[in-house]
Protein backbone atom coordinates (compact mmCIF):
# COMPACT_ATOMS: atom_id res chain seq x y z
CA MET A 1 4.34 -37.90 33.81
CA ARG A 2 1.06 -39.43 32.68
CA ILE A 3 0.16 -38.12 29.45
CA ASP A 4 -3.62 -37.84 30.20
CA ALA A 5 -2.56 -35.40 33.09
CA ILE A 6 -1.42 -32.83 30.56
CA ALA A 7 -3.60 -30.33 28.50
CA ARG A 8 -2.46 -28.43 25.45
CA ASN A 9 -2.38 -24.66 26.01
CA PRO A 10 -5.37 -23.07 24.57
CA TYR A 11 -3.35 -19.95 23.92
CA ASN A 12 -0.57 -21.51 21.93
CA PRO A 13 0.81 -19.35 19.20
CA ARG A 14 0.32 -22.32 16.68
CA GLU A 15 -3.09 -22.17 15.62
CA GLU A 16 -2.81 -25.48 13.92
CA LEU A 17 -0.47 -28.31 14.88
CA LYS A 18 0.91 -29.82 11.49
CA ALA A 19 2.98 -32.98 11.02
CA ILE A 20 1.76 -34.75 13.72
CA GLU A 21 2.27 -38.34 12.17
CA GLU A 22 5.90 -37.29 11.53
CA MET A 23 6.37 -36.20 14.96
CA ALA A 24 4.66 -39.59 16.21
CA ASP A 25 7.02 -41.72 13.86
CA SER A 26 10.11 -39.61 15.41
CA ILE A 27 8.90 -40.39 19.04
CA THR A 28 8.20 -44.17 18.30
CA GLY A 29 11.69 -44.50 16.78
CA ARG A 30 13.87 -42.15 19.14
CA GLY A 31 11.52 -41.34 21.98
CA ILE A 32 10.90 -37.66 23.47
CA ILE A 33 14.52 -36.28 23.66
CA GLN A 34 13.42 -32.68 25.26
CA PRO A 35 11.02 -32.71 28.27
CA LEU A 36 7.94 -30.60 27.67
CA THR A 37 7.61 -27.51 29.72
CA VAL A 38 4.31 -27.36 31.72
CA VAL A 39 2.65 -25.38 34.32
CA THR A 40 0.26 -26.28 37.11
CA ARG A 41 -3.51 -26.22 36.28
CA SER A 42 -3.67 -23.63 39.29
CA ALA A 43 -1.16 -21.41 37.94
CA PHE A 44 -2.55 -21.33 34.53
CA LEU A 45 -5.95 -20.70 35.66
CA GLU A 46 -4.90 -17.48 37.57
CA ALA A 47 -3.23 -16.00 34.39
CA HIS A 48 -6.38 -17.09 32.07
CA PRO A 49 -9.54 -17.47 34.24
CA GLY A 50 -12.54 -18.94 33.14
CA GLN A 51 -10.52 -21.80 30.91
CA ASP A 52 -11.47 -24.74 33.00
CA ASP A 53 -13.39 -26.58 30.52
CA ALA A 54 -10.69 -25.96 27.97
CA LEU A 55 -8.52 -28.05 30.52
CA GLY A 56 -10.82 -30.86 31.01
CA THR A 57 -9.64 -32.85 34.00
CA ALA A 58 -5.89 -32.28 33.43
CA GLN A 59 -3.71 -30.90 36.04
CA TYR A 60 -1.08 -29.51 33.97
CA VAL A 61 -0.68 -27.19 30.88
CA VAL A 62 1.97 -27.44 28.07
CA VAL A 63 3.90 -24.04 27.38
CA ASP A 64 6.54 -25.64 25.41
CA GLY A 65 5.63 -28.84 23.79
CA ASN A 66 2.25 -28.96 22.22
CA ARG A 67 3.52 -30.88 18.90
CA ARG A 68 5.30 -33.36 20.99
CA LEU A 69 2.21 -34.04 23.17
CA SER A 70 0.03 -34.66 20.19
CA GLY A 71 2.69 -36.67 18.62
CA ALA A 72 3.00 -38.62 21.56
CA LYS A 73 -0.60 -39.57 22.03
CA LEU A 74 -0.81 -40.59 18.57
CA ALA A 75 2.30 -42.51 19.03
CA GLY A 76 0.20 -44.35 21.98
CA ILE A 77 2.72 -43.11 24.37
CA ASP A 78 1.40 -43.13 28.01
CA ASP A 79 4.38 -41.13 30.02
CA VAL A 80 6.21 -38.28 28.79
CA PRO A 81 9.14 -36.32 30.42
CA VAL A 82 8.24 -32.83 31.81
CA HIS A 83 10.03 -29.76 33.30
CA ILE A 84 7.50 -28.09 35.72
CA ASP A 85 7.82 -24.07 35.92
CA ASP A 86 5.19 -21.93 37.32
CA THR A 87 7.17 -18.98 37.08
CA LEU A 88 6.18 -18.97 33.26
CA ALA A 89 2.56 -18.57 34.29
CA GLU A 90 2.82 -15.19 36.40
CA ASP A 91 0.43 -13.49 34.02
CA ALA A 92 -1.15 -14.05 30.36
CA ASP A 93 1.33 -11.84 28.75
CA THR A 94 4.29 -14.01 30.27
CA LEU A 95 2.81 -17.37 29.04
CA LEU A 96 2.36 -15.95 25.47
CA GLU A 97 5.76 -14.62 25.43
CA THR A 98 7.15 -17.80 26.70
CA ALA A 99 5.28 -20.02 24.27
CA LEU A 100 6.20 -17.72 21.32
CA THR A 101 9.87 -17.73 22.42
CA ALA A 102 10.03 -21.42 22.57
CA ALA A 103 8.58 -21.65 18.95
CA VAL A 104 10.51 -19.15 17.62
CA GLN A 105 13.71 -21.10 18.97
CA HIS A 106 12.37 -24.13 17.59
CA GLU A 107 11.90 -22.43 14.28
CA ASP A 108 8.56 -24.47 13.44
CA LEU A 109 6.15 -22.08 14.04
CA ASP A 110 4.00 -21.28 10.76
CA PRO A 111 4.85 -17.70 9.52
CA LEU A 112 1.35 -16.23 9.67
CA ASP A 113 0.77 -17.59 13.19
CA GLU A 114 4.12 -16.24 14.26
CA ALA A 115 3.15 -12.81 12.87
CA LYS A 116 -0.16 -12.93 14.61
CA ALA A 117 1.44 -13.84 18.00
CA LEU A 118 4.03 -11.13 17.53
CA GLN A 119 1.35 -8.40 16.97
CA ARG A 120 -0.54 -9.79 20.26
CA LEU A 121 2.86 -9.42 22.06
CA VAL A 122 3.35 -5.43 20.52
CA GLU A 123 -0.23 -4.84 21.97
CA VAL A 124 1.24 -6.14 25.32
CA HIS A 125 4.55 -4.32 25.41
CA GLY A 126 3.39 -1.34 23.64
CA SER A 127 6.01 -1.23 20.76
CA GLN A 128 7.99 -3.53 17.96
CA ARG A 129 11.22 -2.34 19.70
CA ALA A 130 10.14 -3.45 23.08
CA VAL A 131 9.25 -7.14 21.54
CA ALA A 132 12.48 -7.24 19.66
CA ARG A 133 14.44 -6.71 23.02
CA SER A 134 12.35 -9.29 24.80
CA LEU A 135 12.95 -12.15 22.27
CA GLY A 136 16.71 -11.22 21.65
CA LYS A 137 15.73 -10.03 17.97
CA SER A 138 16.20 -6.83 16.00
CA SER A 139 13.33 -4.44 15.35
CA GLY A 140 13.69 -5.42 11.47
CA TRP A 141 13.24 -8.85 12.48
CA VAL A 142 9.95 -8.23 13.97
CA THR A 143 8.85 -5.66 11.26
CA GLN A 144 9.66 -7.99 8.31
CA ARG A 145 7.25 -10.79 10.34
CA LEU A 146 4.60 -8.53 11.23
CA ALA A 147 4.41 -7.35 7.35
CA LEU A 148 2.77 -10.62 6.56
CA LEU A 149 -0.31 -9.35 8.43
CA LYS A 150 -0.57 -6.60 5.91
CA LEU A 151 -0.79 -9.05 2.89
CA THR A 152 -3.73 -8.92 0.81
CA PRO A 153 -5.93 -12.20 1.46
CA ALA A 154 -4.88 -13.78 -1.57
CA LEU A 155 -1.25 -13.39 -0.98
CA GLN A 156 -1.94 -14.68 2.60
CA ARG A 157 -3.57 -17.89 1.28
CA ALA A 158 -0.45 -18.28 -0.94
CA VAL A 159 1.86 -18.15 1.92
CA GLU A 160 -0.42 -20.51 3.70
CA ASP A 161 -0.06 -22.60 0.62
CA LYS A 162 3.59 -22.44 0.21
CA LYS A 163 3.04 -20.92 -3.14
CA LEU A 164 4.57 -17.68 -2.25
CA PRO A 165 8.08 -17.83 -0.39
CA VAL A 166 7.91 -16.16 3.09
CA GLU A 167 11.01 -14.28 2.22
CA VAL A 168 9.44 -12.53 -0.94
CA ALA A 169 6.13 -12.20 1.13
CA ARG A 170 7.68 -10.41 3.89
CA THR A 171 9.23 -7.73 1.56
CA VAL A 172 5.96 -7.52 -0.49
CA GLY A 173 3.85 -6.73 2.83
CA GLN A 174 5.61 -3.71 3.52
CA LEU A 175 4.27 -2.06 -0.05
CA PRO A 176 0.64 -0.65 -0.43
CA GLU A 177 -1.93 -3.12 -1.24
CA GLN A 178 -2.23 -2.17 -4.93
CA GLN A 179 1.43 -3.02 -5.39
CA GLN A 180 1.89 -6.21 -3.51
CA GLY A 181 0.37 -8.36 -6.35
CA PRO A 182 2.75 -7.13 -8.97
CA ALA A 183 5.54 -7.00 -6.62
CA ALA A 184 5.01 -10.64 -5.65
CA GLY A 185 4.79 -11.55 -9.36
CA ARG A 186 7.83 -9.93 -10.43
CA ALA A 187 9.75 -11.66 -7.44
CA LEU A 188 8.54 -15.15 -8.47
CA ALA A 189 9.47 -14.30 -11.95
CA LYS A 190 13.21 -13.21 -10.91
CA ARG A 191 13.46 -16.55 -8.91
CA GLU A 192 12.06 -18.60 -11.81
CA GLN A 193 14.40 -17.01 -14.12
CA LYS A 194 17.47 -17.67 -11.85
CA LYS A 195 16.24 -21.13 -11.32
CA THR A 196 16.33 -21.64 -15.31
CA ALA A 197 19.63 -20.02 -15.69
CA ARG A 198 21.16 -22.36 -12.91
CA THR A 199 19.50 -25.59 -14.54
CA LYS A 200 21.41 -24.49 -17.99
CA GLY A 201 24.61 -23.68 -16.06
CA ALA A 202 24.38 -20.08 -16.51
CA TYR A 203 24.30 -17.05 -14.15
CA ALA A 204 21.08 -15.34 -13.82
CA VAL A 205 21.45 -11.78 -15.32
CA SER A 206 20.78 -8.94 -12.60
CA THR A 207 18.26 -6.17 -13.84
CA GLN A 208 19.86 -3.51 -11.66
CA ALA A 209 23.08 -3.72 -13.74
CA ASP A 210 21.50 -3.21 -17.21
CA PRO A 211 22.85 0.24 -18.75
CA ALA A 212 19.46 0.82 -20.24
CA GLY A 213 17.69 1.12 -16.94
CA PRO A 214 14.95 -0.52 -15.18
CA GLU A 215 12.77 -0.05 -18.21
CA ALA A 216 14.84 -2.16 -20.38
CA ALA A 217 15.49 -4.94 -17.97
CA GLN A 218 12.26 -6.81 -18.47
CA THR A 219 11.95 -10.02 -16.29
CA PRO A 220 9.96 -12.89 -18.22
CA ALA A 221 6.91 -14.16 -16.13
CA PRO A 222 6.66 -17.46 -14.56
CA ARG A 223 4.77 -20.27 -16.35
CA SER A 224 2.34 -20.64 -13.24
CA THR A 225 -1.19 -19.44 -13.99
CA GLY A 226 -1.69 -18.61 -10.57
CA GLN A 227 -3.29 -15.42 -9.23
CA VAL A 228 0.06 -13.88 -8.23
CA SER A 229 1.39 -14.27 -11.56
CA THR A 230 -1.40 -13.28 -13.71
CA ILE A 231 -1.56 -9.68 -11.87
CA ALA A 232 2.15 -9.12 -12.46
CA GLN A 233 1.45 -10.07 -16.11
CA GLN A 234 -1.06 -7.37 -16.57
CA ASP A 235 1.02 -4.86 -14.90
CA ARG A 236 4.57 -5.65 -16.43
CA ALA A 237 3.83 -3.38 -19.59
CA THR A 238 3.48 -0.30 -17.50
CA ASP A 239 5.42 -0.92 -14.37
CA HIS A 240 8.86 -2.10 -14.04
CA MET A 241 10.01 -0.62 -10.67
CA PRO A 242 11.62 -3.49 -8.72
CA TRP A 243 9.16 -2.89 -5.78
CA ALA A 244 10.13 -6.35 -3.77
CA ASP A 245 13.85 -4.78 -3.37
CA GLY A 246 13.98 -1.92 -1.19
CA ALA A 247 17.57 -1.12 -2.15
CA ALA A 248 16.78 -1.57 -5.71
CA VAL A 249 13.95 1.14 -5.45
CA MET A 250 16.04 3.55 -3.79
CA ASP A 251 19.15 3.16 -6.50
CA THR A 252 16.40 3.64 -9.16
CA VAL A 253 14.64 6.69 -7.73
CA PHE A 254 17.66 8.54 -6.56
CA ALA A 255 19.54 8.15 -9.93
CA ARG A 256 16.59 10.18 -11.34
CA LEU A 257 16.34 13.15 -8.80
CA ASP A 258 18.38 16.15 -8.68
CA ALA A 259 19.32 17.79 -5.26
CA THR A 260 16.30 19.48 -4.75
CA GLN A 261 14.03 16.48 -5.39
CA ARG A 262 16.34 14.25 -3.17
CA SER A 263 15.80 16.60 -0.22
CA ALA A 264 11.95 16.62 -0.68
CA PHE A 265 12.09 12.90 -1.10
CA ILE A 266 14.04 12.41 2.32
CA LEU A 267 11.60 15.03 3.79
CA ARG A 268 8.59 13.58 2.87
CA TYR A 269 9.65 10.04 4.45
CA PHE A 270 9.85 11.75 7.86
CA GLN A 271 6.31 13.41 7.21
CA ILE A 272 4.67 10.29 6.19
CA SER A 273 6.25 8.30 9.18
CA ARG A 274 3.82 7.67 12.21
CA GLY A 275 6.56 8.86 14.63
CA VAL A 276 9.77 8.24 16.36
CA ASP A 277 9.23 4.60 17.00
CA ASP A 278 8.56 3.85 13.32
CA VAL A 279 11.67 5.89 11.93
CA ALA A 280 13.76 4.24 14.69
CA THR A 281 12.22 0.63 13.20
CA ASP A 282 13.13 1.46 9.69
CA MET A 283 16.63 2.59 10.46
CA TYR A 284 17.30 -0.23 12.59
CA GLY A 285 16.42 -2.82 10.15
CA GLU A 286 18.77 -5.73 10.31
CA LEU A 287 22.05 -3.57 10.96
CA THR A 288 24.79 -4.96 13.01
CA PRO A 289 25.34 -2.69 16.37
CA GLU A 290 28.53 -1.39 14.93
CA ASN A 291 26.50 -0.30 11.70
CA ARG A 292 23.56 1.14 14.08
CA ALA A 293 26.15 2.91 15.90
CA ALA A 294 27.54 4.35 12.82
CA LEU A 295 24.10 5.49 11.64
CA ALA A 296 23.23 6.94 14.90
CA ALA A 297 26.50 9.13 14.41
CA ILE A 298 25.46 10.24 10.90
CA LEU A 299 22.22 11.48 12.14
CA GLU A 300 23.63 13.25 14.92
CA GLN A 301 26.14 15.18 12.88
CA VAL A 302 23.10 15.83 10.43
CA ALA A 303 21.24 17.15 13.19
CA ILE A 304 23.89 19.67 14.47
CA GLN A 305 24.61 20.88 10.84
CA LEU A 306 20.71 21.37 10.33
CA ARG A 307 20.52 23.55 13.50
CA GLN A 308 23.73 25.33 12.38
CA GLU A 309 22.36 26.23 9.17
CA ASP A 310 18.88 27.61 10.89
CA LYS A 311 20.94 29.71 13.47
CA GLY A 312 23.05 31.18 10.46
């Protein structure tokens, strides 16, 4: 198909196309291996009325392959292979879901763009669990990615600039804003320590295994002078809780609570949760189907025992 007959999707989940020059070089050397998926102009406009100007004179719109299209144009290619499927343009929601699914499968969507698109899908489907099912992912997978939208603006910029690893950011984003900077700094410090230990041929020491407890296991700050590290250094003297590691936080807290306090701790979690969907999402996490079934069985048994205690 002639390249000038195809328009980019104005609603592409990827807000900014990157590495176009590399894509152009690849296309020049090997051609376009995977055809672009497109819908007809009329089908797209039925789903998104009023977008005529955005499409120009193009008779087709890309659903999967916006970066390949831009790379082909830069490489001076006149024709590209396409697959036409108007069933993907039944409505605006279907178009968005198709474009996001394609980007997720290719694993080349920027983290914050992915999070924003997922949030739009949650608004469409009504819950994170419904989005997870539609994408073939776990609820925990969706929750972790949406956590990026809860980061402070400074930390979001750090993610965009690749100064803060996405894995750290997804964990930190689930914390209150005032705890995010210190937690990110500690996580970066821990990574730096491990990197230094590997360079020296030694194993990094785990702070959780320190018999003196978390107060004695102080991790040195990274040498970076960035905002994340600075905030962490200011906080280090008074706060050594491993906020970036949920399991470590639970281990630390539970070790200090007696039976009455543990009951209050668990009850408080359910009190501050925003409903069954949120609790289910937290419980779902990244568990395997077998572990989810085992957890459900435990919760059922707990519910039975609690009811029996009430009757007694």
